[in-house]
PDB file of N, CA and C in Angstrom:
ATOM      1  N   LYS A   1       0.448  -0.910   0.107  1.00  0.00           N
ATOM      2  CA  LYS A   1       0.118   0.262   0.492  1.00  0.00           C
ATOM      3  C   LYS A   1       0.908   0.834  -0.160  1.00  0.00           C
ATOM      4  N   ASN A   2       0.076   1.878  -1.000  1.00  0.00           N
ATOM      5  CA  ASN A   2       1.207   3.536  -0.795  1.00  0.00           C
ATOM      6  C   ASN A   2       2.269   3.653  -1.158  1.00  0.00           C
ATOM      7  N   ARG A   3       2.571   2.661  -3.058  1.00  0.00           N
ATOM      8  CA  ARG A   3       3.489   2.429  -3.055  1.00  0.00           C
ATOM      9  C   ARG A   3       3.415   2.008  -4.677  1.00  0.00           C
ATOM     10  N   GLN A   4       4.951   2.201  -5.334  1.00  0.00           N
ATOM     11  CA  GLN A   4       4.675   1.838  -6.788  1.00  0.00           C
ATOM     12  C   GLN A   4       6.542   2.124  -7.151  1.00  0.00           C
ATOM     13  N   GLY A   5       6.156   0.536  -7.399  1.00  0.00           N
ATOM     14  CA  GLY A   5       7.839   0.014  -6.740  1.00  0.00           C
ATOM     15  C   GLY A   5       9.035  -0.035  -6.058  1.00  0.00           C
ATOM     16  N   ASN A   6       9.759   1.058  -6.689  1.00  0.00           N
ATOM     17  CA  ASN A   6      10.764   1.266  -5.675  1.00  0.00           C
ATOM     18  C   ASN A   6       9.850   2.738  -4.402  1.00  0.00           C
ATOM     19  N   ASP A   7       9.192   3.509  -5.091  1.00  0.00           N
ATOM     20  CA  ASP A   7       8.604   4.187  -4.043  1.00  0.00           C
ATOM     21  C   ASP A   7       7.628   4.333  -3.480  1.00  0.00           C
ATOM     22  N   ARG A   8       7.627   4.809  -2.572  1.00  0.00           N
ATOM     23  CA  ARG A   8       7.007   5.293  -1.323  1.00  0.00           C
ATOM     24  C   ARG A   8       6.373   5.997  -0.754  1.00  0.00           C
ATOM     25  N   GLY A   9       5.156   6.362  -0.272  1.00  0.00           N
ATOM     26  CA  GLY A   9       4.500   7.096   0.841  1.00  0.00           C
ATOM     27  C   GLY A   9       3.471   7.571  -0.509  1.00  0.00           C
ATOM     28  N   LEU A  10       2.343   7.983   0.323  1.00  0.00           N
ATOM     29  CA  LEU A  10       1.250   8.824   0.146  1.00  0.00           C
ATOM     30  C   LEU A  10       0.724   9.299  -0.895  1.00  0.00           C
ATOM     31  N   ALA A  11       1.707   9.963  -1.387  1.00  0.00           N
ATOM     32  CA  ALA A  11       1.938  10.704  -3.143  1.00  0.00           C
ATOM     33  C   ALA A  11       2.185   9.388  -4.044  1.00  0.00           C
ATOM     34  N   TYR A  12       2.272   8.321  -3.832  1.00  0.00           N
ATOM     35  CA  TYR A  12       2.852   6.764  -4.783  1.00  0.00           C
ATOM     36  C   TYR A  12       1.585   5.515  -5.194  1.00  0.00           C
ATOM     37  N   ARG A  13       0.380   6.511  -3.554  1.00  0.00           N
ATOM     38  CA  ARG A  13      -0.247   5.263  -3.650  1.00  0.00           C
ATOM     39  C   ARG A  13      -1.843   5.254  -5.406  1.00  0.00           C
ATOM     40  N   SER A  14      -2.062   4.744  -4.801  1.00  0.00           N
ATOM     41  CA  SER A  14      -3.020   3.883  -5.641  1.00  0.00           C
ATOM     42  C   SER A  14      -4.559   3.669  -5.821  1.00  0.00           C
ATOM     43  N   ALA A  15      -4.974   4.743  -6.538  1.00  0.00           N
ATOM     44  CA  ALA A  15      -7.003   4.995  -6.413  1.00  0.00           C
ATOM     45  C   ALA A  15      -6.925   5.163  -7.969  1.00  0.00           C
ATOM     46  N   ILE A  16      -8.714   4.845  -7.418  1.00  0.00           N
ATOM     47  CA  ILE A  16      -9.288   5.335  -8.801  1.00  0.00           C
ATOM     48  C   ILE A  16     -10.344   5.996  -8.222  1.00  0.00           C
ATOM     49  N   TYR A  17     -10.699   7.335  -8.255  1.00  0.00           N
ATOM     50  CA  TYR A  17     -11.616   8.294  -7.969  1.00  0.00           C
ATOM     51  C   TYR A  17     -12.437   8.574  -9.753  1.00  0.00           C
ATOM     52  N   TRP A  18     -13.742   8.284  -9.251  1.00  0.00           N
ATOM     53  CA  TRP A  18     -14.541   8.268  -9.414  1.00  0.00           C
ATOM     54  C   TRP A  18     -16.111   9.411  -9.977  1.00  0.00           C
ATOM     55  N   VAL A  19     -16.278   9.334 -11.077  1.00  0.00           N
ATOM     56  CA  VAL A  19     -17.290   9.645 -11.801  1.00  0.00           C
ATOM     57  C   VAL A  19     -18.872  10.152 -11.136  1.00  0.00           C
ATOM     58  N   SER A  20     -19.247   8.250 -11.571  1.00  0.00           N
ATOM     59  CA  SER A  20     -20.641   8.333 -11.455  1.00  0.00           C
ATOM     60  C   SER A  20     -20.368   7.403 -10.682  1.00  0.00           C
ATOM     61  N   HIS A  21     -21.751   6.516 -10.205  1.00  0.00           N
ATOM     62  CA  HIS A  21     -21.435   4.622  -9.618  1.00  0.00           C
ATOM     63  C   HIS A  21     -21.380   3.709 -10.650  1.00  0.00           C
ATOM     64  N   ALA A  22     -22.022   4.305 -12.252  1.00  0.00           N
ATOM     65  CA  ALA A  22     -21.269   2.878 -12.904  1.00  0.00           C
ATOM     66  C   ALA A  22     -19.538   2.999 -12.989  1.00  0.00           C
ATOM     67  N   GLN A  23     -19.194   3.880 -13.049  1.00  0.00           N
ATOM     68  CA  GLN A  23     -17.872   4.147 -13.022  1.00  0.00           C
ATOM     69  C   GLN A  23     -16.840   3.330 -11.214  1.00  0.00           C
ATOM     70  N   ARG A  24     -17.756   3.434 -10.193  1.00  0.00           N
ATOM     71  CA  ARG A  24     -17.292   2.928  -9.023  1.00  0.00           C
ATOM     72  C   ARG A  24     -17.608   1.284  -8.950  1.00  0.00           C
ATOM     73  N   ASP A  25     -17.999   1.561 -10.094  1.00  0.00           N
ATOM     74  CA  ASP A  25     -19.324  -0.101  -9.812  1.00  0.00           C
ATOM     75  C   ASP A  25     -17.909  -0.860 -10.336  1.00  0.00           C
ATOM     76  N   GLU A  26     -17.654  -0.692 -12.178  1.00  0.00           N
ATOM     77  CA  GLU A  26     -16.967  -1.316 -13.168  1.00  0.00           C
ATOM     78  C   GLU A  26     -15.634  -1.048 -12.235  1.00  0.00           C
ATOM     79  N   ALA A  27     -14.973  -0.287 -11.788  1.00  0.00           N
ATOM     80  CA  ALA A  27     -14.000  -0.281 -10.813  1.00  0.00           C
ATOM     81  C   ALA A  27     -13.530  -1.466  -9.414  1.00  0.00           C
ATOM     82  N   LEU A  28     -14.862  -1.450  -9.256  1.00  0.00           N
ATOM     83  CA  LEU A  28     -14.561  -2.249  -8.073  1.00  0.00           C
ATOM     84  C   LEU A  28     -15.074  -4.067  -8.769  1.00  0.00           C
ATOM     85  N   ARG A  29     -15.878  -4.117  -9.405  1.00  0.00           N
ATOM     86  CA  ARG A  29     -15.256  -5.207 -10.648  1.00  0.00           C
ATOM     87  C   ARG A  29     -14.050  -5.892 -10.455  1.00  0.00           C
ATOM     88  N   ALA A  30     -13.547  -5.172 -11.679  1.00  0.00           N
ATOM     89  CA  ALA A  30     -11.805  -5.178 -11.953  1.00  0.00           C
ATOM     90  C   ALA A  30     -11.128  -5.295 -10.763  1.00  0.00           C
ATOM     91  N   ILE A  31     -11.474  -4.937  -9.437  1.00  0.00           N
ATOM     92  CA  ILE A  31     -10.545  -4.928  -8.460  1.00  0.00           C
ATOM     93  C   ILE A  31     -10.942  -6.497  -7.677  1.00  0.00           C
ATOM     94  N   ALA A  32     -12.183  -7.378  -7.982  1.00  0.00           N
ATOM     95  CA  ALA A  32     -12.510  -7.926  -7.607  1.00  0.00           C
ATOM     96  C   ALA A  32     -12.145  -9.514  -8.394  1.00  0.00           C
ATOM     97  N   ASP A  33     -11.883  -9.132 -10.218  1.00  0.00           N
ATOM     98  CA  ASP A  33     -11.199  -9.740 -10.921  1.00  0.00           C
ATOM     99  C   ASP A  33      -9.923  -9.890 -10.614  1.00  0.00           C
ATOM    100  N   VAL A  34      -9.435  -9.394 -10.676  1.00  0.00           N
ATOM    101  CA  VAL A  34      -7.710  -9.138 -10.815  1.00  0.00           C
ATOM    102  C   VAL A  34      -7.891 -10.667  -8.971  1.00  0.00           C
ATOM    103  N   ASN A  35      -8.888 -10.264  -7.822  1.00  0.00           N
ATOM    104  CA  ASN A  35      -8.244 -10.692  -6.668  1.00  0.00           C
ATOM    105  C   ASN A  35      -8.893 -12.325  -6.979  1.00  0.00           C
ATOM    106  N   ALA A  36      -9.458 -12.240  -6.860  1.00  0.00           N
ATOM    107  CA  ALA A  36      -9.889 -13.598  -8.073  1.00  0.00           C
ATOM    108  C   ALA A  36      -9.228 -14.787  -8.977  1.00  0.00           C
ATOM    109  N   SER A  37      -8.699 -14.161  -9.825  1.00  0.00           N
ATOM    110  CA  SER A  37      -7.731 -14.438 -11.078  1.00  0.00           C
ATOM    111  C   SER A  37      -6.754 -15.892 -10.317  1.00  0.00           C
ATOM    112  N   GLY A  38      -6.404 -15.277  -8.661  1.00  0.00           N
ATOM    113  CA  GLY A  38      -4.969 -16.093  -8.273  1.00  0.00           C
ATOM    114  C   GLY A  38      -3.456 -15.156  -9.382  1.00  0.00           C
ATOM    115  N   LEU A  39      -4.102 -14.590 -10.286  1.00  0.00           N
ATOM    116  CA  LEU A  39      -2.727 -13.916 -10.638  1.00  0.00           C
ATOM    117  C   LEU A  39      -2.005 -13.104 -10.299  1.00  0.00           C
ATOM    118  N   TRP A  40      -1.763 -12.567  -9.268  1.00  0.00           N
ATOM    119  CA  TRP A  40      -1.551 -11.848  -8.269  1.00  0.00           C
ATOM    120  C   TRP A  40      -1.198 -12.258  -7.564  1.00  0.00           C
ATOM    121  N   PRO A  41       0.322 -12.122  -6.268  1.00  0.00           N
ATOM    122  CA  PRO A  41       0.533 -12.251  -5.094  1.00  0.00           C
ATOM    123  C   PRO A  41      -0.244 -11.718  -3.622  1.00  0.00           C
ATOM    124  N   GLY A  42      -0.912 -10.840  -3.943  1.00  0.00           N
ATOM    125  CA  GLY A  42      -2.075 -10.289  -2.624  1.00  0.00           C
ATOM    126  C   GLY A  42      -2.794  -9.255  -2.740  1.00  0.00           C
ATOM    127  N   PRO A  43      -3.628  -9.172  -2.839  1.00  0.00           N
ATOM    128  CA  PRO A  43      -5.118  -8.516  -2.566  1.00  0.00           C
ATOM    129  C   PRO A  43      -4.423  -6.907  -3.326  1.00  0.00           C
ATOM    130  N   VAL A  44      -5.655  -6.617  -4.380  1.00  0.00           N
ATOM    131  CA  VAL A  44      -5.175  -5.447  -5.135  1.00  0.00           C
ATOM    132  C   VAL A  44      -5.701  -4.182  -3.421  1.00  0.00           C
ATOM    133  N   VAL A  45      -4.569  -3.539  -3.231  1.00  0.00           N
ATOM    134  CA  VAL A  45      -5.237  -2.433  -2.777  1.00  0.00           C
ATOM    135  C   VAL A  45      -5.304  -0.829  -3.240  1.00  0.00           C
ATOM    136  N   THR A  46      -5.644  -0.961  -3.884  1.00  0.00           N
ATOM    137  CA  THR A  46      -5.884   0.007  -5.319  1.00  0.00           C
ATOM    138  C   THR A  46      -7.146   0.651  -4.417  1.00  0.00           C
ATOM    139  N   GLU A  47      -7.269   2.401  -3.669  1.00  0.00           N
ATOM    140  CA  GLU A  47      -8.945   2.521  -3.826  1.00  0.00           C
ATOM    141  C   GLU A  47      -9.589   3.003  -4.022  1.00  0.00           C
ATOM    142  N   VAL A  48     -10.524   3.394  -4.410  1.00  0.00           N
ATOM    143  CA  VAL A  48     -11.769   3.571  -4.890  1.00  0.00           C
ATOM    144  C   VAL A  48     -12.524   4.909  -4.009  1.00  0.00           C
ATOM    145  N   GLU A  49     -13.065   5.920  -4.198  1.00  0.00           N
ATOM    146  CA  GLU A  49     -12.897   6.892  -3.640  1.00  0.00           C
ATOM    147  C   GLU A  49     -14.272   7.991  -5.242  1.00  0.00           C
ATOM    148  N   PRO A  50     -14.661   8.676  -4.227  1.00  0.00           N
ATOM    149  CA  PRO A  50     -15.885   9.433  -4.857  1.00  0.00           C
ATOM    150  C   PRO A  50     -14.346  10.109  -5.589  1.00  0.00           C
ATOM    151  N   VAL A  51     -14.322  10.930  -6.554  1.00  0.00           N
ATOM    152  CA  VAL A  51     -13.434  11.735  -6.979  1.00  0.00           C
ATOM    153  C   VAL A  51     -14.410  13.377  -6.334  1.00  0.00           C
ATOM    154  N   GLY A  52     -12.559  14.252  -6.172  1.00  0.00           N
ATOM    155  CA  GLY A  52     -13.080  15.982  -5.264  1.00  0.00           C
ATOM    156  C   GLY A  52     -12.246  17.196  -5.960  1.00  0.00           C
ATOM    157  N   ASP A  53     -11.445  17.527  -4.998  1.00  0.00           N
ATOM    158  CA  ASP A  53     -10.826  18.685  -5.762  1.00  0.00           C
ATOM    159  C   ASP A  53      -9.666  17.890  -6.210  1.00  0.00           C
ATOM    160  N   PHE A  54      -9.445  18.252  -7.630  1.00  0.00           N
ATOM    161  CA  PHE A  54      -8.148  18.176  -7.878  1.00  0.00           C
ATOM    162  C   PHE A  54      -7.555  18.826  -9.102  1.00  0.00           C
ATOM    163  N   TRP A  55      -6.023  18.976  -8.670  1.00  0.00           N
ATOM    164  CA  TRP A  55      -5.560  19.811 -10.155  1.00  0.00           C
ATOM    165  C   TRP A  55      -4.476  19.438 -10.951  1.00  0.00           C
ATOM    166  N   GLU A  56      -3.747  19.822 -12.234  1.00  0.00           N
ATOM    167  CA  GLU A  56      -3.056  18.570 -13.256  1.00  0.00           C
ATOM    168  C   GLU A  56      -1.396  18.769 -12.437  1.00  0.00           C
ATOM    169  N   ALA A  57      -0.632  17.785 -12.316  1.00  0.00           N
ATOM    170  CA  ALA A  57       0.412  17.602 -12.209  1.00  0.00           C
ATOM    171  C   ALA A  57       1.726  18.737 -13.104  1.00  0.00           C
ATOM    172  N   GLU A  58       2.853  18.999 -13.041  1.00  0.00           N
ATOM    173  CA  GLU A  58       3.889  20.218 -13.345  1.00  0.00           C
ATOM    174  C   GLU A  58       3.687  19.393 -14.515  1.00  0.00           C
ATOM    175  N   PRO A  59       3.933  20.665 -15.747  1.00  0.00           N
ATOM    176  CA  PRO A  59       4.688  19.563 -17.060  1.00  0.00           C
ATOM    177  C   PRO A  59       5.349  18.029 -17.150  1.00  0.00           C
ATOM    178  N   GLU A  60       6.073  18.024 -16.550  1.00  0.00           N
ATOM    179  CA  GLU A  60       6.996  17.105 -15.759  1.00  0.00           C
ATOM    180  C   GLU A  60       6.771  15.608 -15.358  1.00  0.00           C
ATOM    181  N   HIS A  61       5.285  15.820 -15.535  1.00  0.00           N
ATOM    182  CA  HIS A  61       5.260  15.220 -15.076  1.00  0.00           C
ATOM    183  C   HIS A  61       3.829  13.893 -15.617  1.00  0.00           C
ATOM    184  N   GLN A  62       3.004  14.992 -16.361  1.00  0.00           N
ATOM    185  CA  GLN A  62       2.332  14.862 -17.627  1.00  0.00           C
ATOM    186  C   GLN A  62       2.657  14.173 -18.288  1.00  0.00           C
ATOM    187  N   ASP A  63       1.968  12.545 -18.640  1.00  0.00           N
ATOM    188  CA  ASP A  63       2.501  12.038 -20.427  1.00  0.00           C
ATOM    189  C   ASP A  63       3.561  11.099 -20.116  1.00  0.00           C
ATOM    190  N   TYR A  64       4.536  11.173 -18.536  1.00  0.00           N
ATOM    191  CA  TYR A  64       5.731  10.106 -17.809  1.00  0.00           C
ATOM    192  C   TYR A  64       5.379   9.067 -18.884  1.00  0.00           C
ATOM    193  N   LEU A  65       5.213   7.938 -19.423  1.00  0.00           N
ATOM    194  CA  LEU A  65       5.598   7.130 -19.599  1.00  0.00           C
ATOM    195  C   LEU A  65       5.379   6.887 -21.199  1.00  0.00           C
ATOM    196  N   GLU A  66       5.033   7.651 -22.112  1.00  0.00           N
ATOM    197  CA  GLU A  66       5.095   8.023 -23.357  1.00  0.00           C
ATOM    198  C   GLU A  66       6.430   8.491 -24.082  1.00  0.00           C
ATOM    199  N   ARG A  67       6.191   9.730 -22.724  1.00  0.00           N
ATOM    200  CA  ARG A  67       7.751  10.112 -23.087  1.00  0.00           C
ATOM    201  C   ARG A  67       8.991   9.510 -22.630  1.00  0.00           C
ATOM    202  N   ILE A  68       8.697   8.971 -21.346  1.00  0.00           N
ATOM    203  CA  ILE A  68      10.039   7.785 -20.924  1.00  0.00           C
ATOM    204  C   ILE A  68       9.567   6.686 -21.137  1.00  0.00           C
ATOM    205  N   PRO A  69       9.103   6.178 -21.544  1.00  0.00           N
ATOM    206  CA  PRO A  69       8.353   3.741 -21.944  1.00  0.00           C
ATOM    207  C   PRO A  69       9.438   3.714 -20.501  1.00  0.00           C
ATOM    208  N   ASN A  70      11.001   3.426 -20.933  1.00  0.00           N
ATOM    209  CA  ASN A  70      11.515   2.273 -19.728  1.00  0.00           C
ATOM    210  C   ASN A  70      12.290   3.278 -18.467  1.00  0.00           C
ATOM    211  N   GLY A  71      11.251   4.861 -18.367  1.00  0.00           N
ATOM    212  CA  GLY A  71      11.838   4.984 -17.281  1.00  0.00           C
ATOM    213  C   GLY A  71      11.340   4.712 -16.149  1.00  0.00           C
ATOM    214  N   TYR A  72      10.146   4.031 -15.883  1.00  0.00           N
ATOM    215  CA  TYR A  72       9.186   3.481 -14.801  1.00  0.00           C
ATOM    216  C   TYR A  72       9.061   1.784 -14.802  1.00  0.00           C
ATOM    217  N   THR A  73      10.074   0.792 -13.831  1.00  0.00           N
ATOM    218  CA  THR A  73       9.846  -0.236 -14.719  1.00  0.00           C
ATOM    219  C   THR A  73       8.665  -1.196 -13.350  1.00  0.00           C
ATOM    220  N   CYS A  74       7.491  -0.771 -12.885  1.00  0.00           N
ATOM    221  CA  CYS A  74       7.036  -1.317 -12.368  1.00  0.00           C
ATOM    222  C   CYS A  74       5.603  -1.663 -13.571  1.00  0.00           C
ATOM    223  N   HIS A  75       5.488  -1.236 -14.754  1.00  0.00           N
ATOM    224  CA  HIS A  75       3.911  -1.534 -15.606  1.00  0.00           C
ATOM    225  C   HIS A  75       4.927  -3.069 -15.974  1.00  0.00           C
ATOM    226  N   PHE A  76       3.879  -3.681 -16.447  1.00  0.00           N
ATOM    227  CA  PHE A  76       3.660  -4.582 -17.252  1.00  0.00           C
ATOM    228  C   PHE A  76       3.601  -5.113 -18.252  1.00  0.00           C
ATOM    229  N   PRO A  77       2.931  -4.080 -19.324  1.00  0.00           N
ATOM    230  CA  PRO A  77       1.647  -4.561 -20.712  1.00  0.00           C
ATOM    231  C   PRO A  77       1.793  -5.961 -20.916  1.00  0.00           C
ATOM    232  N   ARG A  78       0.583  -6.328 -21.412  1.00  0.00           N
ATOM    233  CA  ARG A  78       0.370  -7.803 -21.858  1.00  0.00           C
ATOM    234  C   ARG A  78      -0.494  -7.742 -22.879  1.00  0.00           C
ATOM    235  N   ALA A  79       0.363  -7.743 -24.202  1.00  0.00           N
ATOM    236  CA  ALA A  79      -0.743  -7.410 -24.861  1.00  0.00           C
ATOM    237  C   ALA A  79      -1.382  -8.815 -25.246  1.00  0.00           C
ATOM    238  N   GLY A  80      -2.622  -8.529 -25.844  1.00  0.00           N
ATOM    239  CA  GLY A  80      -3.881  -9.514 -26.324  1.00  0.00           C
ATOM    240  C   GLY A  80      -4.136 -10.136 -24.908  1.00  0.00           C
ATOM    241  N   TRP A  81      -4.082  -9.961 -23.597  1.00  0.00           N
ATOM    242  CA  TRP A  81      -4.536 -10.541 -22.307  1.00  0.00           C
ATOM    243  C   TRP A  81      -5.198 -10.014 -21.513  1.00  0.00           C
ATOM    244  N   VAL A  82      -6.765 -10.658 -21.356  1.00  0.00           N
ATOM    245  CA  VAL A  82      -7.499 -10.688 -20.807  1.00  0.00           C
ATOM    246  C   VAL A  82      -7.689 -10.908 -19.904  1.00  0.00           C
ATOM    247  N   LEU A  83      -8.486 -10.586 -18.651  1.00  0.00           N
ATOM    248  CA  LEU A  83      -8.421 -10.589 -17.391  1.00  0.00           C
ATOM    249  C   LEU A  83      -9.409 -11.722 -17.149  1.00  0.00           C
ATOM    250  N   PRO A  84     -10.068 -12.680 -16.600  1.00  0.00           N
ATOM    251  CA  PRO A  84     -10.641 -13.772 -16.872  1.00  0.00           C
ATOM    252  C   PRO A  84     -11.945 -13.022 -15.487  1.00  0.00           C
ATOM    253  N   ARG A  85     -12.909 -12.821 -15.481  1.00  0.00           N
ATOM    254  CA  ARG A  85     -14.069 -11.847 -14.621  1.00  0.00           C
ATOM    255  C   ARG A  85     -14.127 -13.508 -13.851  1.00  0.00           C
ATOM    256  N   SER A  86     -14.214 -12.981 -12.607  1.00  0.00           N
ATOM    257  CA  SER A  86     -15.403 -13.194 -11.593  1.00  0.00           C
ATOM    258  C   SER A  86     -16.711 -13.394 -11.323  1.00  0.00           C
ATOM    259  N   ASP A  87     -17.056 -14.379 -10.244  1.00  0.00           N
ATOM    260  CA  ASP A  87     -18.863 -14.600 -10.585  1.00  0.00           C
ATOM    261  C   ASP A  87     -19.227 -14.418  -9.507  1.00  0.00           C
ATOM    262  N   GLN A  88     -18.806 -12.599  -9.130  1.00  0.00           N
ATOM    263  CA  GLN A  88     -19.002 -12.284  -7.825  1.00  0.00           C
ATOM    264  C   GLN A  88     -20.805 -11.871  -8.114  1.00  0.00           C
TER     265      GLN A  88
END
């Protein structure tokens, strides 16, 4: 919790902020699917919360993975991969 790769702290927490209940429900369903899949060693710790006030990050933090595709190694693209649905 509160980390991305080697980076730790509240700024590195994983979160999904929803605008509609449909978005919230889909996020919770996806988390349930990941947890039920047995493909990860532990449960998803991503927070799912209603959107609140927010602001854009500084320009150097925008589109980071597009600008520096090998700069952050905690992302693992899986071409053609489909997450099985749980029976929730």
